[in-house]
Every structure is written in C-alpha cells, then in structure tokens.
Amino acid sequence: MPVASSPKTKKKQKGTTAWPVIVSKDLAEEAGRISIEVADRFLEGDNLADNIRVLPSQSTDKIPVGLDGPGLLQGFTGLSVLYSQLRRCQPDEDWNSPANHFLKIAAEYVVPESRVSNDLSICSGVSGMAYAVMQTYRGKSTFKKLLAQTNQILLDKIQERIDKFAVPGGLAAFDYDALYGVAGIGRYLLVGSTIDERLQKPLHAILKVLIDRSKFEDGFPALYTAERDLTEMEKDLYNCRVVNCGLAHGVPSVLALLAIAFKEGYQIEGLAGAVEFWANWLQGVTVNDQWGVNWPTVVPMDGRELQPSRAAWCYGTPGLANALWLAGDALDDSQSRDAAIKGMEAVYRRPVSVQHILSPCFCHGTSGLLQVTLRFAARTGLPVFAQASEDLVRRIIKVYDPANIYWGFCDVLPEGQKTDLPTILNGASGVILPLLAAAFPAEPIWDQTLLLS
C-alpha cells in the first residue's frame, strides 16, 4: 500500500476565509504547533506504513481496527482533507503536495465493482471522495477525471438507496444517517451540485423522501428503526422499534440536512414543515438532570423511561444541539436556537465523568465537542462558548503524548483498549482538525461532512 511521504515547500497561495480565533494567543499557538507537528509526522519516513501494520493487533472481537481504504472519515481521503485545511491555515506553505499524494492513493481504489465503488457514503465511499476532490481542487484539472468518475457512480447507483424509502415500515439507521446513509450523501450533493448540475436530481429525490418520512405514523415518527434492523448492541437493550437521536446515526442528521437545504434556498413542498417537525419532536424528548437539559440515545416505542446519552458529536447533546441550531437559523426560530444553547450550556456544567467522553478523538470524544463548541462560539459570540473552547483545547493538549503513541493521540474502545488511527472519525486527524479551527483564522469547512455546517 503506497504511503510514501511528500515534501513540503514554500509556495504562495490565496488567503484564508475569515474565522474567529477565540482562544488566547498562547493557547492558539500551542494548539497550532501540536497540529502541525502531528501532520508532519504523518509524512515522515515509514511512520504511516508501520502504523497500518500494527492496527489489526489493536482490534477486539467486537471492533475491527484498520485504515478503511480511501474513506473520507476513516481512510486516506481524510488525510487529503487535513492537508487541504492546513493550506487554508498556512497559505504561504505548500501543503498541496501531501493533499495531492493521499488523494491519489484513494483514487486507486475506485475501480468497477470494487467495494468502494459500491459504497456511496460520505464516511467510506465515493461521495466522501468526491467532496475531498471538489474542495481541494475546484476549478483545476488535476483531479477532474476522478470527480467526474465518482459523481457518475453516484448518479448510476443512488436510486437504489432512495427506493428503500418507498417500502412501508422502518429503516436501518445506515439507510438515512450521517455516516453511511442519504443524509451524509445529501450533504455532499448540496455542495457538489453547485458545479455539477446533474446532482440536483438525486439531491431533490433524497430531500423528498426524507420530507415524506417527517411525520407521525400511529403516534410515532415514521423514520424509525424496526427491531430487525437494530444493531446487536441495541438488540441487547430494546425489543421494539426505536427512533435514533444521535447525529451520527439518527434523525438529527436528517434535521441538519433539511435545515441546510432550506437555508440555501431549496424550494420543495413540505421542506420547512419537515424541519419544524423534527425540531419540535426533538425538543419534546428531552431528559433533564441536575445540570440541565439532555437528550437520550434513542426513544423506544415501548414508552420506557428515557436515559441520558453521552456528550459527544455522535450521540448526545452536542451533535443534536447543532442540528437544532441549524433548524432555528433556517426557520428564524428563536425557540430552537435557545434550546440548542441551553443544551450546550448544560454540557459544560457536567463533570467529565458524566459527559462520558474519555477519548480525545472526534466521534465520541473531546475533539467533536470542541468543534461543535467552536461553531457555537462563532455563531453566537457568547462568552460561555469562548471559555468552553479554552477548556476543551487545554483538555486535548493535556493528553498529547508523542513519545508513547504513533500520532500523540489515541482513541479508547469500549473495552478500554487504545488504538492509534490517523483518521478523522476515530483518529489523530480528527483531533488536530478542531485544534486547527481553534488556532487559525481559517473556516473549518471540512465539518460540512459531519453535518455541523
């Protein structure tokens, strides 16, 4: 597997997009230094190749660990996105070479009938690759062929995913969610359709089927997961249909996509009503504790008492509150915006042990909470988010350990085992991208792929 390093040389580039740096100067400098140090380590010698070889030994029976080929959030394309963001942060440095290098590696996986070519997801499939190509090389010819190829795969195969929504009954979370489903794919289509008008048709189809599921059926939301489609972990906990409340695999991802589409001016019958439906429903299934408002991981149909979730991007208040904010912004609804702010304020009041985010990584850890916090800080200007950003950056820096871990940051599996991934979702790239967002005045547009913007 080719992972040779690429040189970094001086080269003048265009300026960055305005983005507020809200942490102290000293903290921003330290966050930036660590981020660049880790990014440089990805390019040194055989570090990455050695890391890939040891990853299988870090697997557990329940969770296999490895670099998932070309994936945006779990593979080489994510490294390309990292260096593209570094280019925005340091426009006088040539980060194009490593961005180009890793995108070329990812492109080798896109061949007819490969697993990748049959995976349309933003996380590990062609829509994630297409997003990376478009953001990094828009208007240039270098990867024009790859962008056309990935877009064509989407056009050829997306209807099969959309047709699942026409079948009455529940859906698996992977059919509609942020990581593998049409919510994540739709987020790429919103971006990609600005330069390839052919993507407008599948985008409208996705929005329409999600709008059609934004209603009640027999008193329960129509976008539910039936017992047969629950994960093994969920089957151990529930024996009924559930509505998933996590941004990663639940209805907040649908709310976020619909809200962004409405904000961007899409005129589809029922779109505003669908945004309102999910915003209202989510505000009606809160779980309060001594620190304030919280949300459950799922809402089961059997009516049992709801239990609070962790405080992460994937599940819990941060990801869900961000979706509520997007809804409030789209509809100019102060109630949804206020609910989002109150939810986040309660997160910061909770002790770390109650937040249940002991990993520094993005998906279920501190970095995901930091990125959501930075978004709220930029949107609201409220001191609570500036202070929380400072605290979270310090928490991440405190666990940086380059002497004993490949990249200085590791994920922690449910069984307590540590993994040294370089990726965005569960690895070091997903830690240093939010650190870059805290340290540099360059908008972190990459978080579109995680439905945060």
Protein backbone atom coordinates (compact mmCIF):
# COMPACT_ATOMS: atom_id res chain seq x y z
CA MET A 1 0.00 0.00 0.00
CA PRO A 2 1.76 3.22 -1.12
CA VAL A 3 2.07 5.76 1.69
CA ALA A 4 5.37 7.45 0.88
CA SER A 5 5.87 10.88 2.38
CA SER A 6 5.65 14.07 0.34
CA PRO A 7 7.89 17.13 0.66
CA LYS A 8 6.53 20.42 1.95
CA THR A 9 7.98 23.53 0.33
CA LYS A 10 7.23 27.24 0.31
CA LYS A 11 4.64 28.36 -2.17
CA LYS A 12 2.43 31.43 -2.16
CA GLN A 13 -1.29 30.67 -2.08
CA LYS A 14 -4.54 32.56 -1.76
CA GLY A 15 -5.71 33.95 1.57
CA THR A 16 -7.97 32.24 4.05
CA THR A 17 -11.65 32.65 4.81
CA ALA A 18 -12.47 34.81 7.84
CA TRP A 19 -12.99 32.77 11.00
CA PRO A 20 -12.67 33.99 14.60
CA VAL A 21 -9.84 32.74 16.80
CA ILE A 22 -11.44 32.93 20.24
CA VAL A 23 -8.90 31.17 22.46
CA SER A 24 -5.96 33.01 23.98
CA LYS A 25 -2.92 33.71 21.82
CA ASP A 26 -0.64 31.39 23.78
CA LEU A 27 -3.16 28.54 23.65
CA ALA A 28 -3.78 29.06 19.93
CA GLU A 29 -0.04 28.92 19.26
CA GLU A 30 0.32 25.69 21.23
CA ALA A 31 -2.68 24.10 19.51
CA GLY A 32 -1.29 25.10 16.13
CA ARG A 33 2.18 23.82 16.95
CA ILE A 34 0.90 20.40 18.01
CA SER A 35 -1.37 20.14 14.97
CA ILE A 36 1.44 20.85 12.53
CA GLU A 37 3.78 18.53 14.42
CA VAL A 38 1.32 15.65 14.06
CA ALA A 39 0.63 16.47 10.40
CA ASP A 40 4.37 16.43 9.70
CA ARG A 41 4.72 13.07 11.45
CA PHE A 42 2.25 11.54 9.00
CA LEU A 43 4.77 12.38 6.27
CA GLU A 44 7.94 11.17 7.97
CA GLY A 45 9.59 8.02 6.67
CA ASP A 46 7.65 4.82 7.23
CA ASN A 47 5.55 6.08 10.15
CA LEU A 48 2.21 5.62 8.41
CA ALA A 49 3.09 2.27 6.88
CA ASP A 50 4.29 0.98 10.27
CA ASN A 51 1.13 2.22 11.92
CA ILE A 52 -1.07 0.42 9.39
CA ARG A 53 0.76 -2.85 10.04
CA VAL A 54 0.09 -2.78 13.80
CA LEU A 55 -3.56 -1.71 13.63
CA PRO A 56 -5.00 -5.26 13.37
CA SER A 57 -3.34 -6.12 16.68
CA GLN A 58 -5.37 -3.33 18.31
CA SER A 59 -8.69 -4.85 17.24
CA THR A 60 -11.15 -6.51 19.57
CA ASP A 61 -13.66 -9.26 18.85
CA LYS A 62 -16.39 -6.64 18.52
CA ILE A 63 -14.48 -3.81 16.87
CA PRO A 64 -12.03 -4.41 14.00
CA VAL A 65 -9.45 -1.64 13.65
CA GLY A 66 -7.80 -0.55 10.44
CA LEU A 67 -7.44 2.19 7.86
CA ASP A 68 -10.55 1.85 5.71
CA GLY A 69 -9.03 2.33 2.26
CA PRO A 70 -9.99 5.61 0.61
CA GLY A 71 -12.66 6.71 3.09
CA LEU A 72 -13.06 10.38 3.94
CA LEU A 73 -13.69 9.84 7.64
CA GLN A 74 -11.87 6.51 8.03
CA GLY A 75 -9.22 6.48 5.31
CA PHE A 76 -6.73 8.24 3.03
CA THR A 77 -9.13 10.82 1.64
CA GLY A 78 -9.42 12.27 5.13
CA LEU A 79 -5.69 12.91 5.18
CA SER A 80 -6.09 14.83 1.94
CA VAL A 81 -8.79 16.95 3.58
CA LEU A 82 -6.48 17.57 6.55
CA TYR A 83 -3.70 18.95 4.36
CA SER A 84 -6.19 21.00 2.37
CA GLN A 85 -7.27 22.66 5.61
CA LEU A 86 -3.64 23.23 6.56
CA ARG A 87 -3.24 25.02 3.25
CA ARG A 88 -6.04 27.36 4.28
CA CYS A 89 -4.44 27.87 7.68
CA GLN A 90 -0.94 28.46 6.28
CA PRO A 91 -1.41 29.92 2.78
CA ASP A 92 2.34 30.55 2.41
CA GLU A 93 3.18 26.87 2.87
CA ASP A 94 2.79 24.26 0.17
CA TRP A 95 0.52 21.66 1.73
CA ASN A 96 -0.77 20.78 -1.75
CA SER A 97 1.80 18.01 -2.24
CA PRO A 98 0.61 15.79 0.65
CA ALA A 99 -3.06 16.58 -0.12
CA ASN A 100 -2.46 15.51 -3.70
CA HIS A 101 -0.48 12.45 -2.59
CA PHE A 102 -3.19 10.97 -0.37
CA LEU A 103 -5.97 11.71 -2.83
CA LYS A 104 -4.06 9.81 -5.50
CA ILE A 105 -3.79 6.82 -3.15
CA ALA A 106 -7.54 6.96 -2.55
CA ALA A 107 -8.23 7.15 -6.27
CA GLU A 108 -6.55 3.77 -6.79
CA TYR A 109 -9.47 2.11 -5.01
CA VAL A 110 -12.14 3.45 -7.39
CA VAL A 111 -12.41 0.67 -9.95
CA PRO A 112 -15.56 -1.00 -11.32
CA GLU A 113 -17.28 -3.43 -8.96
CA SER A 114 -14.90 -2.67 -6.09
CA ARG A 115 -16.24 -2.34 -2.55
CA VAL A 116 -15.53 1.37 -2.71
CA SER A 117 -17.40 1.87 -5.97
CA ASN A 118 -20.43 0.19 -4.38
CA ASP A 119 -20.21 2.34 -1.24
CA LEU A 120 -21.86 5.72 -1.80
CA SER A 121 -21.39 7.03 1.73
CA ILE A 122 -19.67 10.21 2.89
CA CYS A 123 -17.78 8.20 5.51
CA SER A 124 -16.09 5.45 3.50
CA GLY A 125 -17.38 5.74 -0.06
CA VAL A 126 -17.45 7.78 -3.23
CA SER A 127 -19.40 10.82 -2.01
CA GLY A 128 -16.70 11.44 0.58
CA MET A 129 -14.02 11.13 -2.07
CA ALA A 130 -15.92 13.48 -4.37
CA TYR A 131 -16.23 16.03 -1.57
CA ALA A 132 -12.50 15.97 -0.94
CA VAL A 133 -11.67 16.35 -4.62
CA MET A 134 -14.08 19.23 -5.11
CA GLN A 135 -12.99 21.19 -2.06
CA THR A 136 -9.30 20.74 -2.72
CA TYR A 137 -9.13 21.10 -6.49
CA ARG A 138 -12.22 23.04 -7.54
CA GLY A 139 -11.69 24.60 -10.94
CA LYS A 140 -8.45 22.70 -11.58
CA SER A 141 -7.90 19.85 -13.99
CA THR A 142 -5.67 17.65 -11.80
CA PHE A 143 -8.49 15.51 -10.43
CA LYS A 144 -11.24 16.44 -12.86
CA LYS A 145 -11.48 12.84 -14.08
CA LEU A 146 -11.79 11.44 -10.55
CA LEU A 147 -14.55 13.92 -9.67
CA ALA A 148 -16.47 13.03 -12.82
CA GLN A 149 -15.99 9.33 -12.12
CA THR A 150 -17.25 9.49 -8.53
CA ASN A 151 -20.19 11.71 -9.48
CA GLN A 152 -21.16 9.25 -12.21
CA ILE A 153 -21.10 6.37 -9.72
CA LEU A 154 -23.48 8.33 -7.51
CA LEU A 155 -25.78 9.10 -10.42
CA ASP A 156 -25.83 5.46 -11.50
CA LYS A 157 -26.43 3.90 -8.08
CA ILE A 158 -28.16 6.36 -5.75
CA GLN A 159 -31.69 5.47 -6.84
CA GLU A 160 -31.38 2.04 -5.24
CA ARG A 161 -30.76 3.76 -1.89
CA ILE A 162 -33.66 6.14 -2.41
CA ASP A 163 -36.07 3.36 -3.36
CA LYS A 164 -35.75 1.83 0.13
CA PHE A 165 -37.80 4.72 1.49
CA ALA A 166 -40.79 3.72 -0.64
CA VAL A 167 -41.14 0.42 1.22
CA PRO A 168 -43.54 0.81 4.19
CA GLY A 169 -42.10 0.25 7.66
CA GLY A 170 -38.88 1.07 9.42
CA LEU A 171 -35.44 1.72 8.01
CA ALA A 172 -31.98 0.76 9.19
CA ALA A 173 -30.07 3.75 10.52
CA PHE A 174 -27.44 3.20 7.82
CA ASP A 175 -30.10 3.87 5.19
CA TYR A 176 -30.56 7.52 6.22
CA ASP A 177 -27.82 8.54 8.68
CA ALA A 178 -24.92 10.98 8.53
CA LEU A 179 -22.08 8.50 8.10
CA TYR A 180 -23.41 5.89 5.67
CA GLY A 181 -26.90 6.98 4.66
CA VAL A 182 -28.60 9.53 2.47
CA ALA A 183 -28.25 12.39 4.97
CA GLY A 184 -24.48 12.33 4.59
CA ILE A 185 -24.65 11.66 0.86
CA GLY A 186 -27.13 14.51 0.54
CA ARG A 187 -24.70 16.88 2.25
CA TYR A 188 -22.16 16.16 -0.48
CA LEU A 189 -24.80 16.59 -3.16
CA LEU A 190 -25.65 20.04 -1.77
CA VAL A 191 -22.02 21.05 -2.25
CA GLY A 192 -21.32 19.08 -5.41
CA SER A 193 -24.41 20.25 -7.27
CA THR A 194 -23.01 23.79 -7.33
CA ILE A 195 -20.55 22.66 -10.01
CA ASP A 196 -22.31 19.59 -11.42
CA GLU A 197 -25.97 20.32 -12.04
CA ARG A 198 -26.69 16.64 -12.69
CA LEU A 199 -26.50 16.07 -8.93
CA GLN A 200 -29.57 18.26 -8.38
CA LYS A 201 -31.94 15.44 -9.37
CA PRO A 202 -30.77 12.87 -6.77
CA LEU A 203 -30.50 15.64 -4.19
CA HIS A 204 -34.15 16.61 -4.69
CA ALA A 205 -35.14 12.94 -4.54
CA ILE A 206 -33.33 12.47 -1.23
CA LEU A 207 -34.88 15.60 0.27
CA LYS A 208 -38.32 14.48 -0.89
CA VAL A 209 -38.16 11.00 0.68
CA LEU A 210 -36.88 12.48 3.94
CA ILE A 211 -39.69 15.05 3.92
CA ASP A 212 -42.19 12.22 3.37
CA ARG A 213 -40.87 10.46 6.49
CA SER A 214 -41.07 13.64 8.59
CA LYS A 215 -44.45 12.85 10.16
CA PHE A 216 -46.15 10.61 12.68
CA GLU A 217 -47.41 7.10 11.95
CA ASP A 218 -49.61 5.66 14.69
CA GLY A 219 -48.30 8.29 17.08
CA PHE A 220 -44.63 7.50 16.43
CA PRO A 221 -42.23 9.20 13.98
CA ALA A 222 -42.19 7.47 10.60
CA LEU A 223 -38.39 7.49 10.44
CA TYR A 224 -37.87 4.69 12.94
CA THR A 225 -35.70 1.59 13.14
CA ALA A 226 -37.60 -1.69 13.37
CA GLU A 227 -36.47 -4.50 15.68
CA ARG A 228 -34.98 -6.48 12.78
CA ASP A 229 -32.69 -3.58 11.84
CA LEU A 230 -31.32 -2.79 15.30
CA THR A 231 -27.60 -3.24 15.88
CA GLU A 232 -26.52 -6.16 18.06
CA MET A 233 -25.86 -3.75 20.91
CA GLU A 234 -29.31 -2.20 20.52
CA LYS A 235 -30.97 -5.62 20.43
CA ASP A 236 -29.49 -6.32 23.85
CA LEU A 237 -31.25 -3.22 25.18
CA TYR A 238 -34.52 -2.98 23.24
CA ASN A 239 -37.09 -5.34 21.80
CA CYS A 240 -39.16 -2.71 19.99
CA ARG A 241 -38.86 -0.09 17.31
CA VAL A 242 -36.82 2.98 18.22
CA VAL A 243 -36.08 6.44 16.89
CA ASN A 244 -32.35 7.11 16.98
CA CYS A 245 -31.43 10.53 18.44
CA GLY A 246 -27.71 10.65 17.62
CA LEU A 247 -26.34 12.91 14.91
CA ALA A 248 -24.15 10.09 13.61
CA HIS A 249 -26.94 7.53 13.10
CA GLY A 250 -30.21 9.24 13.90
CA VAL A 251 -32.85 11.81 13.00
CA PRO A 252 -30.71 14.85 13.93
CA SER A 253 -28.73 14.12 10.75
CA VAL A 254 -31.97 14.36 8.77
CA LEU A 255 -32.89 17.61 10.53
CA ALA A 256 -29.45 19.07 9.80
CA LEU A 257 -29.57 18.23 6.09
CA LEU A 258 -33.12 19.52 5.64
CA ALA A 259 -32.32 22.72 7.54
CA ILE A 260 -29.19 23.41 5.49
CA ALA A 261 -31.09 22.80 2.25
CA PHE A 262 -33.86 25.18 3.33
CA LYS A 263 -31.32 27.81 4.40
CA GLU A 264 -29.66 27.53 0.98
CA GLY A 265 -32.95 28.32 -0.74
CA TYR A 266 -34.28 24.98 -1.91
CA GLN A 267 -37.98 25.22 -2.66
CA ILE A 268 -39.53 21.80 -2.13
CA GLU A 269 -43.07 21.32 -0.87
CA GLY A 270 -43.06 20.40 2.80
CA LEU A 271 -39.38 21.21 3.42
CA ALA A 272 -39.96 23.93 6.01
CA GLY A 273 -42.60 21.79 7.70
CA ALA A 274 -40.21 18.84 7.90
CA VAL A 275 -37.55 21.00 9.56
CA GLU A 276 -40.16 22.23 12.03
CA PHE A 277 -41.41 18.68 12.66
CA TRP A 278 -38.04 17.28 13.72
CA ALA A 279 -37.03 20.38 15.66
CA ASN A 280 -40.25 20.24 17.67
CA TRP A 281 -40.12 16.49 18.18
CA LEU A 282 -36.53 16.55 19.45
CA GLN A 283 -37.37 19.35 21.86
CA GLY A 284 -40.17 17.16 23.20
CA VAL A 285 -37.99 14.16 24.12
CA THR A 286 -35.52 15.79 26.48
CA VAL A 287 -34.11 14.19 29.64
CA ASN A 288 -33.35 16.67 32.38
CA ASP A 289 -30.75 16.10 35.08
CA GLN A 290 -29.21 18.22 37.84
CA TRP A 291 -27.09 20.13 35.29
CA GLY A 292 -29.90 20.95 32.87
CA VAL A 293 -31.43 19.64 29.65
CA ASN A 294 -30.11 16.49 27.96
CA TRP A 295 -31.26 14.02 25.32
CA PRO A 296 -31.44 10.22 25.08
CA THR A 297 -29.54 7.97 22.69
CA VAL A 298 -32.79 6.54 21.31
CA VAL A 299 -36.51 6.87 22.01
CA PRO A 300 -38.07 3.37 22.23
CA MET A 301 -41.70 2.83 21.26
CA ASP A 302 -42.43 0.82 24.43
CA GLY A 303 -42.61 4.04 26.45
CA ARG A 304 -39.90 3.17 28.98
CA GLU A 305 -38.16 5.96 30.90
CA LEU A 306 -35.63 7.74 28.72
CA GLN A 307 -31.97 7.69 29.73
CA PRO A 308 -29.45 10.48 29.04
CA SER A 309 -26.72 9.96 26.47
CA ARG A 310 -23.04 10.94 26.40
CA ALA A 311 -21.98 14.46 25.42
CA ALA A 312 -20.43 13.82 22.02
CA TRP A 313 -20.78 14.57 18.33
CA CYS A 314 -22.12 11.08 17.57
CA TYR A 315 -24.67 10.83 20.39
CA GLY A 316 -25.92 13.27 22.95
CA THR A 317 -26.45 16.99 23.19
CA PRO A 318 -23.57 18.44 21.09
CA GLY A 319 -24.45 16.89 17.73
CA LEU A 320 -28.19 17.16 18.36
CA ALA A 321 -27.98 20.76 19.59
CA ASN A 322 -26.03 21.73 16.49
CA ALA A 323 -28.86 20.33 14.34
CA LEU A 324 -31.37 22.32 16.39
CA TRP A 325 -29.33 25.47 15.86
CA LEU A 326 -29.25 24.88 12.10
CA ALA A 327 -33.04 24.44 12.18
CA GLY A 328 -33.52 27.62 14.18
CA ASP A 329 -31.23 29.51 11.83
CA ALA A 330 -33.04 28.22 8.75
CA LEU A 331 -36.53 28.99 10.08
CA ASP A 332 -35.53 32.08 12.11
CA ASP A 333 -36.91 30.23 15.11
CA SER A 334 -35.55 31.58 18.39
CA GLN A 335 -37.05 28.66 20.37
CA SER A 336 -34.86 26.11 18.57
CA ARG A 337 -31.78 28.30 18.84
CA ASP A 338 -32.39 28.88 22.56
CA ALA A 339 -32.91 25.15 23.16
CA ALA A 340 -29.60 24.44 21.43
CA ILE A 341 -27.75 26.99 23.56
CA LYS A 342 -29.30 25.79 26.82
CA GLY A 343 -28.40 22.22 25.95
CA MET A 344 -24.77 23.15 25.31
CA GLU A 345 -24.54 25.21 28.48
CA ALA A 346 -25.69 22.14 30.43
CA VAL A 347 -22.96 20.05 28.75
CA TYR A 348 -20.24 22.31 30.13
CA ARG A 349 -21.70 22.14 33.64
CA ARG A 350 -21.50 18.35 33.71
CA PRO A 351 -18.34 16.77 35.14
CA VAL A 352 -16.15 14.96 32.61
CA SER A 353 -17.12 11.64 34.19
CA VAL A 354 -20.78 12.38 33.44
CA GLN A 355 -20.03 13.59 29.90
CA HIS A 356 -18.69 10.07 29.13
CA ILE A 357 -16.16 11.33 26.56
CA LEU A 358 -12.85 9.98 27.80
CA SER A 359 -11.24 9.79 24.34
CA PRO A 360 -9.72 12.87 22.68
CA CYS A 361 -10.97 11.71 19.26
CA PHE A 362 -13.77 13.24 17.21
CA CYS A 363 -16.65 10.78 17.00
CA HIS A 364 -17.30 10.13 20.68
CA GLY A 365 -14.62 12.28 22.29
CA THR A 366 -13.40 15.72 23.25
CA SER A 367 -12.47 16.92 19.76
CA GLY A 368 -16.01 16.51 18.47
CA LEU A 369 -17.32 18.51 21.41
CA LEU A 370 -14.67 21.16 20.72
CA GLN A 371 -15.66 21.52 17.06
CA VAL A 372 -19.34 21.94 17.97
CA THR A 373 -18.34 24.46 20.65
CA LEU A 374 -16.24 26.47 18.19
CA ARG A 375 -19.18 26.59 15.81
CA PHE A 376 -21.46 27.91 18.57
CA ALA A 377 -18.81 30.43 19.60
CA ALA A 378 -18.56 31.76 16.05
CA ARG A 379 -22.35 31.92 15.66
CA THR A 380 -23.30 33.48 18.97
CA GLY A 381 -20.30 35.35 20.33
CA LEU A 382 -21.37 34.25 23.82
CA PRO A 383 -18.63 34.10 26.49
CA VAL A 384 -19.74 30.62 27.63
CA PHE A 385 -18.59 29.13 24.34
CA ALA A 386 -15.29 31.02 24.33
CA GLN A 387 -14.50 29.75 27.83
CA ALA A 388 -15.57 26.21 26.98
CA SER A 389 -13.36 26.31 23.89
CA GLU A 390 -10.37 27.27 26.04
CA ASP A 391 -11.12 24.47 28.49
CA LEU A 392 -11.55 21.83 25.79
CA VAL A 393 -8.37 22.81 23.92
CA ARG A 394 -6.44 22.55 27.19
CA ARG A 395 -8.01 19.15 27.89
CA ILE A 396 -6.91 17.86 24.49
CA ILE A 397 -3.39 19.26 24.74
CA LYS A 398 -3.00 17.70 28.18
CA VAL A 399 -3.33 14.17 26.79
CA TYR A 400 -0.96 14.72 23.87
CA ASP A 401 1.70 12.01 24.18
CA PRO A 402 4.00 11.80 21.15
CA ALA A 403 6.55 9.64 22.99
CA ASN A 404 4.27 6.62 23.51
CA ILE A 405 1.65 6.87 20.77
CA TYR A 406 2.20 6.95 17.00
CA TRP A 407 0.47 10.28 16.46
CA GLY A 408 0.28 11.62 20.01
CA PHE A 409 -3.46 10.98 20.35
CA CYS A 410 -5.30 7.67 20.61
CA ASP A 411 -8.87 6.50 20.71
CA VAL A 412 -10.26 4.37 23.54
CA LEU A 413 -12.52 1.44 22.62
CA PRO A 414 -15.49 0.43 24.81
CA GLU A 415 -13.42 -2.36 26.38
CA GLY A 416 -10.73 0.16 27.30
CA GLN A 417 -8.30 -0.81 24.54
CA LYS A 418 -6.39 2.03 22.84
CA THR A 419 -5.98 2.45 19.08
CA ASP A 420 -3.56 4.63 17.09
CA LEU A 421 -5.51 5.63 13.99
CA PRO A 422 -4.52 8.56 11.75
CA THR A 423 -8.10 9.13 10.54
CA ILE A 424 -10.74 11.82 11.08
CA LEU A 425 -13.58 9.93 12.76
CA ASN A 426 -11.65 7.98 15.39
CA GLY A 427 -8.05 9.06 14.94
CA ALA A 428 -5.49 11.81 15.17
CA SER A 429 -6.62 13.80 12.11
CA GLY A 430 -9.98 14.31 13.78
CA VAL A 431 -8.20 15.71 16.82
CA ILE A 432 -5.90 18.15 15.07
CA LEU A 433 -8.56 19.48 12.66
CA PRO A 434 -10.55 21.05 15.55
CA LEU A 435 -7.26 22.24 17.09
CA LEU A 436 -6.52 23.99 13.79
CA ALA A 437 -10.01 25.52 13.92
CA ALA A 438 -9.17 26.89 17.36
CA ALA A 439 -5.74 28.15 16.33
CA PHE A 440 -6.10 29.72 12.87
CA PRO A 441 -8.47 32.26 11.24
CA ALA A 442 -9.47 29.81 8.50
CA GLU A 443 -13.03 28.48 8.42
CA PRO A 444 -13.18 24.71 9.03
CA ILE A 445 -15.35 23.93 6.02
CA TRP A 446 -14.45 20.22 6.35
CA ASP A 447 -17.05 19.86 9.12
CA GLN A 448 -19.76 20.02 6.45
CA THR A 449 -19.05 16.30 6.03
CA LEU A 450 -20.10 15.77 9.65
CA LEU A 451 -23.28 17.85 9.21
CA LEU A 452 -22.07 20.60 11.54
CA SER A 453 -22.32 23.33 8.90
